[in-house]
Structures are given as structure tokens and as C-alpha cells.
């Protein structure tokens, strides 16, 4: 399980979603919460984002009940 941290631009690139949409999903509890890495800086755990992406793929292919 990767503990690599990803900043918002990389998360946006990997998911294909914009910053506002990612924050909306976070507020709805539908996207992994970021961790605070500085006074004005956040990052996401790569393995959590990867798991979220894999779940979206499985749902779109009808593999999740």
C-alpha cells in the first residue's frame, strides 16, 4: 500500500475532475479526505485515491452490487 502523497494538481489529472468537484465530493464523504501537510497545504494519499478510481471503474462496469 503506497503512502506517497499527491498534491491537488496530480489528483485532478489522475481523476479527470476539477478542484471544485473534488472538494464537493470530499464534503459529501464521497472522496478520500486530504491530510494537512503545512499551514496552507494539503495532500492526498495515493493509495486512497487509487482505490477510489478503481471503485469508479468497477461501478461503471457493473462489478459492484
Protein backbone atom coordinates (compact mmCIF):
# COMPACT_ATOMS: atom_id res chain seq x y z
CA UNK A 1 0.00 0.00 0.00
CA UNK A 2 1.55 3.23 -1.16
CA UNK A 3 1.92 6.07 1.33
CA UNK A 4 3.06 8.53 -1.33
CA UNK A 5 1.42 11.93 -1.10
CA UNK A 6 -0.11 13.67 -4.10
CA UNK A 7 -0.85 17.38 -4.39
CA UNK A 8 -4.12 18.64 -5.87
CA UNK A 9 -2.89 19.12 -9.48
CA UNK A 10 -1.86 15.46 -9.69
CA UNK A 11 -5.15 14.32 -8.13
CA UNK A 12 -7.05 16.42 -10.67
CA UNK A 13 -5.03 14.89 -13.51
CA UNK A 14 -5.45 11.31 -12.25
CA UNK A 15 -9.20 11.58 -11.62
CA UNK A 16 -10.14 13.85 -14.50
CA UNK A 17 -12.09 16.04 -12.07
CA UNK A 18 -11.68 19.74 -11.30
CA UNK A 19 -10.74 21.16 -7.93
CA UNK A 20 -14.27 22.37 -7.10
CA UNK A 21 -15.78 18.98 -7.90
CA UNK A 22 -13.18 17.15 -5.80
CA UNK A 23 -13.91 19.44 -2.83
CA UNK A 24 -17.65 18.85 -3.31
CA UNK A 25 -17.10 15.07 -3.27
CA UNK A 26 -14.96 15.39 -0.13
CA UNK A 27 -17.69 17.41 1.63
CA UNK A 28 -20.22 14.71 0.69
CA UNK A 29 -17.94 11.97 2.02
CA UNK A 30 -17.55 10.50 -1.47
CA UNK A 31 -13.81 11.13 -1.94
CA UNK A 32 -10.79 10.48 0.32
CA UNK A 33 -10.11 13.31 2.73
CA UNK A 34 -6.84 15.18 2.31
CA UNK A 35 -4.24 15.45 5.02
CA UNK A 36 -2.74 18.73 6.14
CA UNK A 37 0.98 18.91 5.37
CA UNK A 38 1.56 22.58 6.15
CA UNK A 39 -0.21 25.71 7.33
CA UNK A 40 -1.80 26.21 3.91
CA UNK A 41 -1.05 22.96 2.14
CA UNK A 42 -2.87 19.65 1.75
CA UNK A 43 -2.09 16.37 0.02
CA UNK A 44 -3.88 13.12 -0.70
CA UNK A 45 -2.65 9.60 -0.01
CA UNK A 46 -2.00 7.95 -3.37
CA UNK A 47 -3.35 4.52 -2.39
CA UNK A 48 -6.66 6.04 -1.23
CA UNK A 49 -7.09 7.94 -4.50
CA UNK A 50 -6.18 4.80 -6.48
CA UNK A 51 -8.79 2.82 -4.53
CA UNK A 52 -11.40 5.49 -5.27
CA UNK A 53 -10.54 5.35 -9.00
CA UNK A 54 -10.76 1.53 -9.01
CA UNK A 55 -14.18 1.70 -7.32
CA UNK A 56 -15.46 4.09 -10.01
CA UNK A 57 -14.21 1.71 -12.72
CA UNK A 58 -15.89 -1.29 -11.05
CA UNK A 59 -19.17 0.62 -10.63
CA UNK A 60 -19.21 1.72 -14.26
CA UNK A 61 -18.73 -1.87 -15.39
CA UNK A 62 -21.43 -3.21 -13.09
CA UNK A 63 -18.98 -5.15 -10.95
CA UNK A 64 -20.23 -3.69 -7.66
CA UNK A 65 -23.62 -4.63 -6.22
